[in-house]
């Protein structure tokens, strides 16, 4: 099991069980340290101690907006919409290097990507499971690409999927929600734009994920209709706010709250590898802060 503690300047330090870790696995810790430093510079330290938060799992009752009435303890399951996956492949290098994405991309788009960056940082440190639904890969191929470029992109999608399969969770408890008639679900899904968007949201409900993460305004408008079925459709910025409200960010703001064993960092290596495989010039896509 990997060990985690704070070193000088309260940076996260990891000792891997075999005392070796691949170059790619270092990017997660580098991102965590960069994000922690930036947040602590921007956010005033609370005058009193934040209440202790269990981790790396989540207590579902502590996040009613996120978990929609579920009870118990477990991972936070998040499905990515296609637009965010494309964002990742376009801006993933800056994300892993800990750059301020809101400065790199001024406006709402950059603010959403900076929120996604902090969510990825939490994924490095906590029990968060990213889900890539099969339809997302089909949806990603709408733009015409050369055969070579298409194969690079598909290889990258497969690598991304490998990152989320590191921890097998098909039968894992995710909290119970109301069981409503299929006709009610069909009525709710009719609020989602027809086509791939609707099929992706329907797949998210079937897979019992907690959150469907998207920047698509049309999909976001359908969020209220899907809440009774246990699916919270939200943007990265709004999800980050909800995570803050349930105390999930305390591990980034106060070092004593980051006390649990490190999750498997092989998934970080897969996520960075996906970025490299998607780019025709892998060295140009490689982040530099993990070397």
C-alpha atoms as a PDB file:
ATOM      1  CA  UNK A   1       0.000   0.000   0.000  1.00  0.00           C
ATOM      2  CA  UNK A   2       1.262   3.483  -0.809  1.00  0.00           C
ATOM      3  CA  UNK A   3       2.006   5.774   2.135  1.00  0.00           C
ATOM      4  CA  UNK A   4       1.257   9.494   2.092  1.00  0.00           C
ATOM      5  CA  UNK A   5       2.401  12.260   4.412  1.00  0.00           C
ATOM      6  CA  UNK A   6       3.301  15.953   4.386  1.00  0.00           C
ATOM      7  CA  UNK A   7       6.916  17.002   3.975  1.00  0.00           C
ATOM      8  CA  UNK A   8       8.522  20.404   4.093  1.00  0.00           C
ATOM      9  CA  UNK A   9       6.213  23.311   3.163  1.00  0.00           C
ATOM     10  CA  UNK A  10       3.288  20.931   3.735  1.00  0.00           C
ATOM     11  CA  UNK A  11       3.791  19.324   0.309  1.00  0.00           C
ATOM     12  CA  UNK A  12       2.328  15.873  -0.194  1.00  0.00           C
ATOM     13  CA  UNK A  13       5.011  13.168  -0.202  1.00  0.00           C
ATOM     14  CA  UNK A  14       4.392   9.576  -1.293  1.00  0.00           C
ATOM     15  CA  UNK A  15       6.449   6.468  -0.643  1.00  0.00           C
ATOM     16  CA  UNK A  16       5.361   3.686  -2.968  1.00  0.00           C
ATOM     17  CA  UNK A  17       5.401   0.155  -1.635  1.00  0.00           C
ATOM     18  CA  UNK A  18       8.252  -0.917  -3.915  1.00  0.00           C
ATOM     19  CA  UNK A  19      10.041   2.438  -3.511  1.00  0.00           C
ATOM     20  CA  UNK A  20       9.815   2.973  -7.239  1.00  0.00           C
ATOM     21  CA  UNK A  21       7.201   4.832  -9.183  1.00  0.00           C
ATOM     22  CA  UNK A  22       6.968   5.493 -12.855  1.00  0.00           C
ATOM     23  CA  UNK A  23       7.508   8.907 -14.323  1.00  0.00           C
ATOM     24  CA  UNK A  24       3.854   9.193 -15.261  1.00  0.00           C
ATOM     25  CA  UNK A  25       2.594   8.368 -11.779  1.00  0.00           C
ATOM     26  CA  UNK A  26       4.400  11.422 -10.387  1.00  0.00           C
ATOM     27  CA  UNK A  27       2.104  13.825 -12.165  1.00  0.00           C
ATOM     28  CA  UNK A  28      -0.738  13.214  -9.712  1.00  0.00           C
ATOM     29  CA  UNK A  29       1.310  14.276  -6.685  1.00  0.00           C
ATOM     30  CA  UNK A  30       2.769  17.240  -8.588  1.00  0.00           C
ATOM     31  CA  UNK A  31      -0.751  18.388  -9.512  1.00  0.00           C
ATOM     32  CA  UNK A  32      -1.975  17.912  -5.943  1.00  0.00           C
ATOM     33  CA  UNK A  33       0.851  20.041  -4.563  1.00  0.00           C
ATOM     34  CA  UNK A  34       0.364  22.779  -7.182  1.00  0.00           C
ATOM     35  CA  UNK A  35      -3.395  22.902  -6.557  1.00  0.00           C
ATOM     36  CA  UNK A  36      -3.007  22.871  -2.770  1.00  0.00           C
ATOM     37  CA  UNK A  37      -0.529  25.760  -2.889  1.00  0.00           C
ATOM     38  CA  UNK A  38      -2.744  27.798  -5.207  1.00  0.00           C
ATOM     39  CA  UNK A  39      -5.898  27.207  -3.165  1.00  0.00           C
ATOM     40  CA  UNK A  40      -4.184  28.071   0.102  1.00  0.00           C
ATOM     41  CA  UNK A  41      -2.883  31.289  -1.447  1.00  0.00           C
ATOM     42  CA  UNK A  42      -6.347  32.232  -2.719  1.00  0.00           C
ATOM     43  CA  UNK A  43      -8.576  31.004   0.119  1.00  0.00           C
ATOM     44  CA  UNK A  44      -8.174  32.380   3.629  1.00  0.00           C
ATOM     45  CA  UNK A  45      -7.490  29.661   6.169  1.00  0.00           C
ATOM     46  CA  UNK A  46     -10.617  29.149   8.312  1.00  0.00           C
ATOM     47  CA  UNK A  47     -10.486  30.962  11.652  1.00  0.00           C
ATOM     48  CA  UNK A  48     -11.412  27.688  13.340  1.00  0.00           C
ATOM     49  CA  UNK A  49     -10.652  24.122  12.407  1.00  0.00           C
ATOM     50  CA  UNK A  50     -12.901  22.607   9.783  1.00  0.00           C
ATOM     51  CA  UNK A  51     -14.860  19.609  11.050  1.00  0.00           C
ATOM     52  CA  UNK A  52     -13.043  16.332  10.355  1.00  0.00           C
ATOM     53  CA  UNK A  53     -14.108  14.605   7.172  1.00  0.00           C
ATOM     54  CA  UNK A  54     -13.988  10.860   6.591  1.00  0.00           C
ATOM     55  CA  UNK A  55     -11.913   9.750   3.668  1.00  0.00           C
ATOM     56  CA  UNK A  56     -10.894   8.802   1.137  1.00  0.00           C
ATOM     57  CA  UNK A  57     -14.532   7.681   0.705  1.00  0.00           C
ATOM     58  CA  UNK A  58     -17.611   9.903   0.999  1.00  0.00           C
ATOM     59  CA  UNK A  59     -20.419   9.847   3.544  1.00  0.00           C
ATOM     60  CA  UNK A  60     -23.458  10.172   1.309  1.00  0.00           C
ATOM     61  CA  UNK A  61     -25.667  11.847   3.909  1.00  0.00           C
ATOM     62  CA  UNK A  62     -23.182  14.732   4.150  1.00  0.00           C
ATOM     63  CA  UNK A  63     -23.750  15.675   0.505  1.00  0.00           C
ATOM     64  CA  UNK A  64     -27.510  15.652  -0.133  1.00  0.00           C
ATOM     65  CA  UNK A  65     -27.161  17.789  -3.273  1.00  0.00           C
ATOM     66  CA  UNK A  66     -24.576  15.389  -4.684  1.00  0.00           C
ATOM     67  CA  UNK A  67     -25.993  12.068  -3.601  1.00  0.00           C
ATOM     68  CA  UNK A  68     -29.702  12.931  -3.770  1.00  0.00           C
ATOM     69  CA  UNK A  69     -30.897  11.178  -0.640  1.00  0.00           C
ATOM     70  CA  UNK A  70     -28.571   8.196  -0.759  1.00  0.00           C
ATOM     71  CA  UNK A  71     -27.281   6.857   2.535  1.00  0.00           C
ATOM     72  CA  UNK A  72     -24.087   5.041   3.446  1.00  0.00           C
ATOM     73  CA  UNK A  73     -20.412   5.364   2.534  1.00  0.00           C
ATOM     74  CA  UNK A  74     -18.595   4.854  -0.724  1.00  0.00           C
ATOM     75  CA  UNK A  75     -17.016   6.401  -3.787  1.00  0.00           C
ATOM     76  CA  UNK A  76     -18.298   9.366  -5.763  1.00  0.00           C
ATOM     77  CA  UNK A  77     -19.109   8.181  -9.295  1.00  0.00           C
ATOM     78  CA  UNK A  78     -18.867  10.777 -12.085  1.00  0.00           C
ATOM     79  CA  UNK A  79     -19.611  10.257 -15.793  1.00  0.00           C
ATOM     80  CA  UNK A  80     -17.899  12.656 -18.201  1.00  0.00           C
ATOM     81  CA  UNK A  81     -19.757  14.144 -21.142  1.00  0.00           C
ATOM     82  CA  UNK A  82     -17.968  14.245 -24.484  1.00  0.00           C
ATOM     83  CA  UNK A  83     -17.292  17.990 -24.355  1.00  0.00           C
ATOM     84  CA  UNK A  84     -15.187  17.596 -21.207  1.00  0.00           C
ATOM     85  CA  UNK A  85     -13.224  14.686 -22.656  1.00  0.00           C
ATOM     86  CA  UNK A  86     -12.386  16.812 -25.679  1.00  0.00           C
ATOM     87  CA  UNK A  87     -11.378  19.621 -23.308  1.00  0.00           C
ATOM     88  CA  UNK A  88      -9.096  17.176 -21.523  1.00  0.00           C
ATOM     89  CA  UNK A  89      -7.300  16.160 -24.705  1.00  0.00           C
ATOM     90  CA  UNK A  90      -6.944  19.788 -25.807  1.00  0.00           C
ATOM     91  CA  UNK A  91      -5.833  21.277 -22.481  1.00  0.00           C
ATOM     92  CA  UNK A  92      -4.662  18.280 -20.458  1.00  0.00           C
ATOM     93  CA  UNK A  93      -1.013  19.291 -20.500  1.00  0.00           C
ATOM     94  CA  UNK A  94      -1.800  22.632 -18.843  1.00  0.00           C
ATOM     95  CA  UNK A  95      -4.115  20.843 -16.407  1.00  0.00           C
ATOM     96  CA  UNK A  96      -1.411  18.431 -15.201  1.00  0.00           C
ATOM     97  CA  UNK A  97       1.189  21.191 -15.045  1.00  0.00           C
ATOM     98  CA  UNK A  98      -0.981  23.002 -12.506  1.00  0.00           C
ATOM     99  CA  UNK A  99      -1.414  26.086 -14.678  1.00  0.00           C
ATOM    100  CA  UNK A 100      -4.201  28.543 -13.956  1.00  0.00           C
ATOM    101  CA  UNK A 101      -6.635  27.541 -16.695  1.00  0.00           C
ATOM    102  CA  UNK A 102      -8.833  30.574 -16.032  1.00  0.00           C
ATOM    103  CA  UNK A 103      -5.870  32.767 -17.036  1.00  0.00           C
ATOM    104  CA  UNK A 104      -4.952  30.561 -19.980  1.00  0.00           C
ATOM    105  CA  UNK A 105      -8.549  30.638 -21.286  1.00  0.00           C
ATOM    106  CA  UNK A 106     -10.250  33.829 -20.037  1.00  0.00           C
ATOM    107  CA  UNK A 107     -13.999  33.615 -19.580  1.00  0.00           C
ATOM    108  CA  UNK A 108     -16.457  30.922 -18.540  1.00  0.00           C
ATOM    109  CA  UNK A 109     -14.715  28.133 -20.463  1.00  0.00           C
ATOM    110  CA  UNK A 110     -11.464  28.645 -18.570  1.00  0.00           C
ATOM    111  CA  UNK A 111     -13.278  28.882 -15.238  1.00  0.00           C
ATOM    112  CA  UNK A 112     -15.031  25.583 -15.916  1.00  0.00           C
ATOM    113  CA  UNK A 113     -11.733  23.918 -16.833  1.00  0.00           C
ATOM    114  CA  UNK A 114     -10.047  25.246 -13.703  1.00  0.00           C
ATOM    115  CA  UNK A 115     -12.883  23.698 -11.674  1.00  0.00           C
ATOM    116  CA  UNK A 116     -12.327  20.435 -13.574  1.00  0.00           C
ATOM    117  CA  UNK A 117      -8.627  20.653 -12.689  1.00  0.00           C
ATOM    118  CA  UNK A 118      -9.459  20.802  -8.964  1.00  0.00           C
ATOM    119  CA  UNK A 119     -11.895  17.898  -9.372  1.00  0.00           C
ATOM    120  CA  UNK A 120      -9.117  15.856 -11.031  1.00  0.00           C
ATOM    121  CA  UNK A 121      -6.876  16.783  -8.082  1.00  0.00           C
ATOM    122  CA  UNK A 122      -9.495  15.398  -5.693  1.00  0.00           C
ATOM    123  CA  UNK A 123      -9.676  12.271  -7.865  1.00  0.00           C
ATOM    124  CA  UNK A 124      -5.924  11.826  -7.303  1.00  0.00           C
ATOM    125  CA  UNK A 125      -6.419  11.986  -3.522  1.00  0.00           C
ATOM    126  CA  UNK A 126      -9.916  10.620  -2.821  1.00  0.00           C
ATOM    127  CA  UNK A 127     -12.171   7.732  -3.815  1.00  0.00           C
ATOM    128  CA  UNK A 128     -13.705   9.272  -6.915  1.00  0.00           C
ATOM    129  CA  UNK A 129     -14.474   7.065  -9.920  1.00  0.00           C
ATOM    130  CA  UNK A 130     -14.599   8.580 -13.402  1.00  0.00           C
ATOM    131  CA  UNK A 131     -16.836   6.781 -15.898  1.00  0.00           C
ATOM    132  CA  UNK A 132     -16.477   6.920 -19.670  1.00  0.00           C
ATOM    133  CA  UNK A 133     -19.720   5.654 -21.167  1.00  0.00           C
ATOM    134  CA  UNK A 134     -19.403   3.646 -24.420  1.00  0.00           C
ATOM    135  CA  UNK A 135     -21.562   6.121 -26.316  1.00  0.00           C
ATOM    136  CA  UNK A 136     -19.052   8.848 -25.473  1.00  0.00           C
ATOM    137  CA  UNK A 137     -16.500   7.199 -27.757  1.00  0.00           C
ATOM    138  CA  UNK A 138     -19.010   7.104 -30.624  1.00  0.00           C
ATOM    139  CA  UNK A 139     -19.945  10.705 -29.949  1.00  0.00           C
ATOM    140  CA  UNK A 140     -16.291  11.712 -30.066  1.00  0.00           C
ATOM    141  CA  UNK A 141     -15.984  10.581 -33.666  1.00  0.00           C
ATOM    142  CA  UNK A 142     -18.473  13.060 -35.152  1.00  0.00           C
ATOM    143  CA  UNK A 143     -15.652  15.242 -36.501  1.00  0.00           C
ATOM    144  CA  UNK A 144     -13.958  13.859 -39.592  1.00  0.00           C
ATOM    145  CA  UNK A 145     -10.389  12.778 -38.866  1.00  0.00           C
ATOM    146  CA  UNK A 146      -7.708  11.116 -40.934  1.00  0.00           C
ATOM    147  CA  UNK A 147      -7.497   7.328 -40.370  1.00  0.00           C
ATOM    148  CA  UNK A 148      -4.197   7.749 -38.519  1.00  0.00           C
ATOM    149  CA  UNK A 149      -5.554  10.547 -36.319  1.00  0.00           C
ATOM    150  CA  UNK A 150      -8.758   8.602 -35.639  1.00  0.00           C
ATOM    151  CA  UNK A 151      -6.743   5.580 -34.509  1.00  0.00           C
ATOM    152  CA  UNK A 152      -4.658   7.792 -32.206  1.00  0.00           C
ATOM    153  CA  UNK A 153      -7.834   9.210 -30.676  1.00  0.00           C
ATOM    154  CA  UNK A 154      -9.417   5.781 -30.177  1.00  0.00           C
ATOM    155  CA  UNK A 155      -6.225   4.481 -28.577  1.00  0.00           C
ATOM    156  CA  UNK A 156      -6.323   7.463 -26.241  1.00  0.00           C
ATOM    157  CA  UNK A 157      -9.968   6.778 -25.327  1.00  0.00           C
ATOM    158  CA  UNK A 158      -9.055   3.179 -24.520  1.00  0.00           C
ATOM    159  CA  UNK A 159      -6.199   4.370 -22.301  1.00  0.00           C
ATOM    160  CA  UNK A 160      -8.569   6.752 -20.535  1.00  0.00           C
ATOM    161  CA  UNK A 161     -10.992   3.883 -19.974  1.00  0.00           C
ATOM    162  CA  UNK A 162      -8.144   1.776 -18.554  1.00  0.00           C
ATOM    163  CA  UNK A 163      -7.608   4.466 -15.923  1.00  0.00           C
ATOM    164  CA  UNK A 164     -11.166   4.130 -14.676  1.00  0.00           C
ATOM    165  CA  UNK A 165     -11.015   0.321 -14.704  1.00  0.00           C
ATOM    166  CA  UNK A 166      -8.055   0.160 -12.290  1.00  0.00           C
ATOM    167  CA  UNK A 167     -10.556  -0.240  -9.443  1.00  0.00           C
ATOM    168  CA  UNK A 168     -13.280  -2.771 -10.248  1.00  0.00           C
ATOM    169  CA  UNK A 169     -16.571  -1.388  -9.029  1.00  0.00           C
ATOM    170  CA  UNK A 170     -19.351  -2.962 -11.079  1.00  0.00           C
ATOM    171  CA  UNK A 171     -21.070  -4.467  -8.040  1.00  0.00           C
ATOM    172  CA  UNK A 172     -20.026  -1.832  -5.529  1.00  0.00           C
ATOM    173  CA  UNK A 173     -22.673  -0.223  -3.343  1.00  0.00           C
ATOM    174  CA  UNK A 174     -23.536   3.259  -4.607  1.00  0.00           C
ATOM    175  CA  UNK A 175     -26.506   4.066  -2.396  1.00  0.00           C
ATOM    176  CA  UNK A 176     -30.163   3.362  -3.071  1.00  0.00           C
ATOM    177  CA  UNK A 177     -32.570   5.701  -4.838  1.00  0.00           C
ATOM    178  CA  UNK A 178     -36.287   5.585  -5.523  1.00  0.00           C
ATOM    179  CA  UNK A 179     -37.410   3.032  -8.108  1.00  0.00           C
ATOM    180  CA  UNK A 180     -39.791   4.860 -10.432  1.00  0.00           C
ATOM    181  CA  UNK A 181     -41.750   3.586 -13.458  1.00  0.00           C
ATOM    182  CA  UNK A 182     -39.914   3.421 -16.783  1.00  0.00           C
ATOM    183  CA  UNK A 183     -42.550   5.720 -18.254  1.00  0.00           C
ATOM    184  CA  UNK A 184     -41.487   8.417 -15.784  1.00  0.00           C
ATOM    185  CA  UNK A 185     -37.852   7.994 -16.792  1.00  0.00           C
ATOM    186  CA  UNK A 186     -38.768   8.258 -20.478  1.00  0.00           C
ATOM    187  CA  UNK A 187     -40.648  11.468 -19.708  1.00  0.00           C
ATOM    188  CA  UNK A 188     -37.631  12.874 -17.869  1.00  0.00           C
ATOM    189  CA  UNK A 189     -35.227  11.864 -20.650  1.00  0.00           C
ATOM    190  CA  UNK A 190     -37.401  13.732 -23.141  1.00  0.00           C
ATOM    191  CA  UNK A 191     -36.108  16.920 -21.480  1.00  0.00           C
ATOM    192  CA  UNK A 192     -32.581  16.084 -22.715  1.00  0.00           C
ATOM    193  CA  UNK A 193     -31.713  17.067 -26.311  1.00  0.00           C
ATOM    194  CA  UNK A 194     -32.398  14.119 -28.620  1.00  0.00           C
ATOM    195  CA  UNK A 195     -29.567  12.028 -29.996  1.00  0.00           C
ATOM    196  CA  UNK A 196     -26.241  11.246 -28.366  1.00  0.00           C
ATOM    197  CA  UNK A 197     -26.871  13.551 -25.410  1.00  0.00           C
ATOM    198  CA  UNK A 198     -30.058  11.720 -24.462  1.00  0.00           C
ATOM    199  CA  UNK A 199     -28.442   8.312 -24.904  1.00  0.00           C
ATOM    200  CA  UNK A 200     -25.496   9.313 -22.706  1.00  0.00           C
ATOM    201  CA  UNK A 201     -27.763  10.544 -19.910  1.00  0.00           C
ATOM    202  CA  UNK A 202     -29.895   7.386 -20.138  1.00  0.00           C
ATOM    203  CA  UNK A 203     -26.730   5.271 -19.862  1.00  0.00           C
ATOM    204  CA  UNK A 204     -25.650   7.268 -16.806  1.00  0.00           C
ATOM    205  CA  UNK A 205     -28.968   6.479 -15.105  1.00  0.00           C
ATOM    206  CA  UNK A 206     -28.671   2.778 -15.980  1.00  0.00           C
ATOM    207  CA  UNK A 207     -25.119   2.659 -14.606  1.00  0.00           C
ATOM    208  CA  UNK A 208     -26.237   4.320 -11.350  1.00  0.00           C
ATOM    209  CA  UNK A 209     -23.547   6.979 -11.428  1.00  0.00           C
ATOM    210  CA  UNK A 210     -24.080   9.916  -9.091  1.00  0.00           C
ATOM    211  CA  UNK A 211     -23.043  12.804 -11.345  1.00  0.00           C
ATOM    212  CA  UNK A 212     -23.172  13.502 -15.072  1.00  0.00           C
ATOM    213  CA  UNK A 213     -20.574  16.208 -15.678  1.00  0.00           C
ATOM    214  CA  UNK A 214     -21.061  18.467 -18.698  1.00  0.00           C
ATOM    215  CA  UNK A 215     -20.701  21.986 -20.076  1.00  0.00           C
ATOM    216  CA  UNK A 216     -23.619  21.538 -22.483  1.00  0.00           C
ATOM    217  CA  UNK A 217     -26.316  24.093 -21.613  1.00  0.00           C
ATOM    218  CA  UNK A 218     -29.083  22.015 -23.170  1.00  0.00           C
ATOM    219  CA  UNK A 219     -28.188  18.986 -21.056  1.00  0.00           C
ATOM    220  CA  UNK A 220     -27.796  21.130 -17.931  1.00  0.00           C
ATOM    221  CA  UNK A 221     -31.316  22.510 -18.381  1.00  0.00           C
ATOM    222  CA  UNK A 222     -32.656  18.946 -18.074  1.00  0.00           C
ATOM    223  CA  UNK A 223     -30.984  18.416 -14.709  1.00  0.00           C
ATOM    224  CA  UNK A 224     -34.046  18.943 -12.523  1.00  0.00           C
ATOM    225  CA  UNK A 225     -36.023  16.276 -14.397  1.00  0.00           C
ATOM    226  CA  UNK A 226     -33.363  13.593 -13.771  1.00  0.00           C
ATOM    227  CA  UNK A 227     -32.814  14.232 -10.067  1.00  0.00           C
ATOM    228  CA  UNK A 228     -35.640  11.871  -8.941  1.00  0.00           C
ATOM    229  CA  UNK A 229     -33.745   9.063 -10.716  1.00  0.00           C
ATOM    230  CA  UNK A 230     -30.595   9.651  -8.691  1.00  0.00           C
ATOM    231  CA  UNK A 231     -28.616  11.469 -11.399  1.00  0.00           C
ATOM    232  CA  UNK A 232     -27.205  14.913 -10.694  1.00  0.00           C
ATOM    233  CA  UNK A 233     -26.448  16.716 -13.965  1.00  0.00           C
ATOM    234  CA  UNK A 234     -24.079  19.578 -13.310  1.00  0.00           C
ATOM    235  CA  UNK A 235     -21.124  21.608 -14.554  1.00  0.00           C
ATOM    236  CA  UNK A 236     -17.587  21.422 -13.133  1.00  0.00           C
ATOM    237  CA  UNK A 237     -17.977  24.778 -11.353  1.00  0.00           C
ATOM    238  CA  UNK A 238     -21.245  23.804  -9.689  1.00  0.00           C
ATOM    239  CA  UNK A 239     -19.905  20.376  -8.732  1.00  0.00           C
ATOM    240  CA  UNK A 240     -16.878  22.014  -7.130  1.00  0.00           C
ATOM    241  CA  UNK A 241     -19.173  24.272  -5.099  1.00  0.00           C
ATOM    242  CA  UNK A 242     -21.185  21.256  -3.939  1.00  0.00           C
ATOM    243  CA  UNK A 243     -17.995  19.421  -2.974  1.00  0.00           C
ATOM    244  CA  UNK A 244     -16.945  22.434  -0.918  1.00  0.00           C
ATOM    245  CA  UNK A 245     -20.341  22.550   0.811  1.00  0.00           C
ATOM    246  CA  UNK A 246     -20.037  18.937   1.980  1.00  0.00           C
ATOM    247  CA  UNK A 247     -16.480  19.439   3.259  1.00  0.00           C
ATOM    248  CA  UNK A 248     -14.755  17.462   0.506  1.00  0.00           C
ATOM    249  CA  UNK A 249     -12.207  20.235  -0.118  1.00  0.00           C
ATOM    250  CA  UNK A 250     -10.968  20.351   3.466  1.00  0.00           C
ATOM    251  CA  UNK A 251      -8.199  17.877   2.585  1.00  0.00           C
ATOM    252  CA  UNK A 252      -6.809  20.529   0.217  1.00  0.00           C
ATOM    253  CA  UNK A 253      -7.119  23.417   2.668  1.00  0.00           C
ATOM    254  CA  UNK A 254      -5.899  21.835   5.910  1.00  0.00           C
ATOM    255  CA  UNK A 255      -3.093  19.251   5.695  1.00  0.00           C
ATOM    256  CA  UNK A 256      -4.186  17.366   8.807  1.00  0.00           C
ATOM    257  CA  UNK A 257      -7.356  16.352   6.957  1.00  0.00           C
ATOM    258  CA  UNK A 258      -5.366  14.455   4.321  1.00  0.00           C
ATOM    259  CA  UNK A 259      -4.645  11.420   6.474  1.00  0.00           C
ATOM    260  CA  UNK A 260      -5.673   8.365   4.443  1.00  0.00           C
ATOM    261  CA  UNK A 261      -3.591   5.972   2.293  1.00  0.00           C
ATOM    262  CA  UNK A 262      -3.031   7.144  -1.249  1.00  0.00           C
ATOM    263  CA  UNK A 263      -5.351   5.672  -3.910  1.00  0.00           C
ATOM    264  CA  UNK A 264      -3.732   3.581  -6.649  1.00  0.00           C
ATOM    265  CA  UNK A 265      -1.655   5.970  -8.772  1.00  0.00           C
ATOM    266  CA  UNK A 266      -1.573   3.664 -11.794  1.00  0.00           C
ATOM    267  CA  UNK A 267      -4.773   5.372 -12.872  1.00  0.00           C
ATOM    268  CA  UNK A 268      -2.874   8.680 -13.018  1.00  0.00           C
ATOM    269  CA  UNK A 269      -0.323   7.070 -15.332  1.00  0.00           C
ATOM    270  CA  UNK A 270      -3.137   5.866 -17.606  1.00  0.00           C
ATOM    271  CA  UNK A 271      -4.779   9.297 -17.727  1.00  0.00           C
ATOM    272  CA  UNK A 272      -1.499  11.007 -18.657  1.00  0.00           C
ATOM    273  CA  UNK A 273      -0.727   8.231 -21.146  1.00  0.00           C
ATOM    274  CA  UNK A 274      -4.105   8.859 -22.799  1.00  0.00           C
ATOM    275  CA  UNK A 275      -3.045  12.463 -23.308  1.00  0.00           C
ATOM    276  CA  UNK A 276       0.235  11.412 -24.922  1.00  0.00           C
ATOM    277  CA  UNK A 277      -1.386   8.809 -27.169  1.00  0.00           C
ATOM    278  CA  UNK A 278      -3.942  11.320 -28.454  1.00  0.00           C
ATOM    279  CA  UNK A 279      -1.253  13.730 -29.647  1.00  0.00           C
ATOM    280  CA  UNK A 280       0.742  13.191 -32.854  1.00  0.00           C
ATOM    281  CA  UNK A 281       3.709  14.802 -31.062  1.00  0.00           C
ATOM    282  CA  UNK A 282       3.777  12.990 -27.685  1.00  0.00           C
ATOM    283  CA  UNK A 283       6.757  14.888 -26.301  1.00  0.00           C
ATOM    284  CA  UNK A 284       5.010  18.207 -26.911  1.00  0.00           C
ATOM    285  CA  UNK A 285       1.946  16.918 -25.057  1.00  0.00           C
ATOM    286  CA  UNK A 286       3.928  15.568 -22.103  1.00  0.00           C
ATOM    287  CA  UNK A 287       3.510  17.646 -18.940  1.00  0.00           C
ATOM    288  CA  UNK A 288       6.764  18.824 -17.406  1.00  0.00           C
ATOM    289  CA  UNK A 289       6.015  19.045 -13.682  1.00  0.00           C
ATOM    290  CA  UNK A 290       6.311  15.319 -13.008  1.00  0.00           C
ATOM    291  CA  UNK A 291       9.793  14.740 -14.353  1.00  0.00           C
END
